Amino acid sequence: MLQFEESDKTFIRRNLENADALLSGSSLGNVLDALFDLIEEKGYAPPHYYDYNDFGRKAQRVYDSVYYLNTQK
């Protein structure tokens, strides 16, 4: 079973359509892939789309948190 902070769960539920399946699943890769795709879609600031916008920074923090919680032994 994957580990999540409550704030990470809240973010995932608000922003991903398949949140329940991701949160109850056992695949870290699926969660991280979904977060990566979300960052790619909504996470960059115009005009050049090189840097994160506020949403992208928050999504990256969730990504990092989920990764860290599930890879530390």
C-alpha atoms as a PDB file:
ATOM      1  CA  MET A   1       0.000   0.000   0.000  1.00  0.00           C
ATOM      2  CA  LEU A   2       1.284   3.446  -0.889  1.00  0.00           C
ATOM      3  CA  GLN A   3       1.878   6.182   1.673  1.00  0.00           C
ATOM      4  CA  PHE A   4       0.375   9.678   1.276  1.00  0.00           C
ATOM      5  CA  GLU A   5       0.228  12.834   3.350  1.00  0.00           C
ATOM      6  CA  GLU A   6      -3.345  14.062   3.823  1.00  0.00           C
ATOM      7  CA  SER A   7      -2.552  17.241   1.903  1.00  0.00           C
ATOM      8  CA  ASP A   8      -1.254  15.118  -0.992  1.00  0.00           C
ATOM      9  CA  LYS A   9      -4.468  13.080  -1.034  1.00  0.00           C
ATOM     10  CA  THR A  10      -6.521  16.261  -1.097  1.00  0.00           C
ATOM     11  CA  PHE A  11      -4.527  17.653  -4.019  1.00  0.00           C
ATOM     12  CA  ILE A  12      -4.799  14.400  -5.956  1.00  0.00           C
ATOM     13  CA  ARG A  13      -8.555  14.144  -5.366  1.00  0.00           C
ATOM     14  CA  ARG A  14      -9.110  17.727  -6.524  1.00  0.00           C
ATOM     15  CA  ASN A  15      -7.002  17.479  -9.648  1.00  0.00           C
ATOM     16  CA  LEU A  16      -7.037  13.946 -11.023  1.00  0.00           C
ATOM     17  CA  GLU A  17     -10.095  12.186 -12.431  1.00  0.00           C
ATOM     18  CA  ASN A  18      -8.930   8.709 -11.419  1.00  0.00           C
ATOM     19  CA  ALA A  19      -7.877   9.788  -7.925  1.00  0.00           C
ATOM     20  CA  ASP A  20      -9.627   6.991  -6.030  1.00  0.00           C
ATOM     21  CA  ALA A  21      -7.986   4.304  -8.135  1.00  0.00           C
ATOM     22  CA  LEU A  22      -4.576   5.944  -7.765  1.00  0.00           C
ATOM     23  CA  LEU A  23      -4.892   6.396  -4.012  1.00  0.00           C
ATOM     24  CA  SER A  24      -6.070   2.842  -3.406  1.00  0.00           C
ATOM     25  CA  GLY A  25      -3.657   1.244  -5.864  1.00  0.00           C
ATOM     26  CA  SER A  26      -0.202  -0.132  -5.260  1.00  0.00           C
ATOM     27  CA  SER A  27       1.659   1.344  -8.218  1.00  0.00           C
ATOM     28  CA  LEU A  28       3.891   4.266  -7.352  1.00  0.00           C
ATOM     29  CA  GLY A  29       4.653   4.666 -11.043  1.00  0.00           C
ATOM     30  CA  ASN A  30       0.990   5.204 -11.921  1.00  0.00           C
ATOM     31  CA  VAL A  31       0.638   7.974  -9.329  1.00  0.00           C
ATOM     32  CA  LEU A  32       3.860   9.678 -10.355  1.00  0.00           C
ATOM     33  CA  ASP A  33       2.995   9.406 -14.061  1.00  0.00           C
ATOM     34  CA  ALA A  34      -0.405  11.007 -13.451  1.00  0.00           C
ATOM     35  CA  LEU A  35       1.175  13.851 -11.473  1.00  0.00           C
ATOM     36  CA  PHE A  36       3.844  14.340 -14.148  1.00  0.00           C
ATOM     37  CA  ASP A  37       1.183  14.546 -16.854  1.00  0.00           C
ATOM     38  CA  LEU A  38      -0.755  17.069 -14.760  1.00  0.00           C
ATOM     39  CA  ILE A  39       2.345  19.228 -14.362  1.00  0.00           C
ATOM     40  CA  GLU A  40       3.000  19.043 -18.106  1.00  0.00           C
ATOM     41  CA  GLU A  41      -0.586  20.072 -18.834  1.00  0.00           C
ATOM     42  CA  LYS A  42      -1.154  22.860 -16.284  1.00  0.00           C
ATOM     43  CA  GLY A  43       2.086  23.548 -14.485  1.00  0.00           C
ATOM     44  CA  TYR A  44       4.080  25.959 -16.629  1.00  0.00           C
ATOM     45  CA  ALA A  45       3.916  29.742 -16.785  1.00  0.00           C
ATOM     46  CA  PRO A  46       3.579  31.762 -19.969  1.00  0.00           C
ATOM     47  CA  PRO A  47       4.956  33.252 -22.095  1.00  0.00           C
ATOM     48  CA  HIS A  48       7.779  30.734 -22.668  1.00  0.00           C
ATOM     49  CA  TYR A  49       6.579  27.871 -20.470  1.00  0.00           C
ATOM     50  CA  TYR A  50      10.048  27.203 -19.053  1.00  0.00           C
ATOM     51  CA  ASP A  51       9.252  27.836 -15.385  1.00  0.00           C
ATOM     52  CA  TYR A  52       6.549  26.469 -13.109  1.00  0.00           C
ATOM     53  CA  ASN A  53       3.515  28.539 -12.297  1.00  0.00           C
ATOM     54  CA  ASP A  54       2.025  28.386  -8.777  1.00  0.00           C
ATOM     55  CA  PHE A  55       0.036  25.281  -9.631  1.00  0.00           C
ATOM     56  CA  GLY A  56       3.116  23.583 -11.065  1.00  0.00           C
ATOM     57  CA  ARG A  57       5.144  24.277  -7.928  1.00  0.00           C
ATOM     58  CA  LYS A  58       2.406  22.821  -5.741  1.00  0.00           C
ATOM     59  CA  ALA A  59       2.034  19.768  -7.977  1.00  0.00           C
ATOM     60  CA  GLN A  60       5.804  19.231  -7.933  1.00  0.00           C
ATOM     61  CA  ARG A  61       5.784  19.339  -4.112  1.00  0.00           C
ATOM     62  CA  VAL A  62       3.077  16.650  -4.088  1.00  0.00           C
ATOM     63  CA  TYR A  63       5.068  14.582  -6.586  1.00  0.00           C
ATOM     64  CA  ASP A  64       8.204  14.888  -4.442  1.00  0.00           C
ATOM     65  CA  SER A  65       6.318  14.038  -1.251  1.00  0.00           C
ATOM     66  CA  VAL A  66       4.708  10.923  -2.733  1.00  0.00           C
ATOM     67  CA  TYR A  67       8.031   9.797  -4.180  1.00  0.00           C
ATOM     68  CA  TYR A  68       9.907  10.363  -0.922  1.00  0.00           C
ATOM     69  CA  LEU A  69       7.296   8.667   1.287  1.00  0.00           C
ATOM     70  CA  ASN A  70       7.286   5.571  -0.902  1.00  0.00           C
ATOM     71  CA  THR A  71      10.977   5.121  -1.614  1.00  0.00           C
ATOM     72  CA  GLN A  72      12.514   5.623   1.841  1.00  0.00           C
ATOM     73  CA  LYS A  73      13.234   2.480   3.828  1.00  0.00           C
END
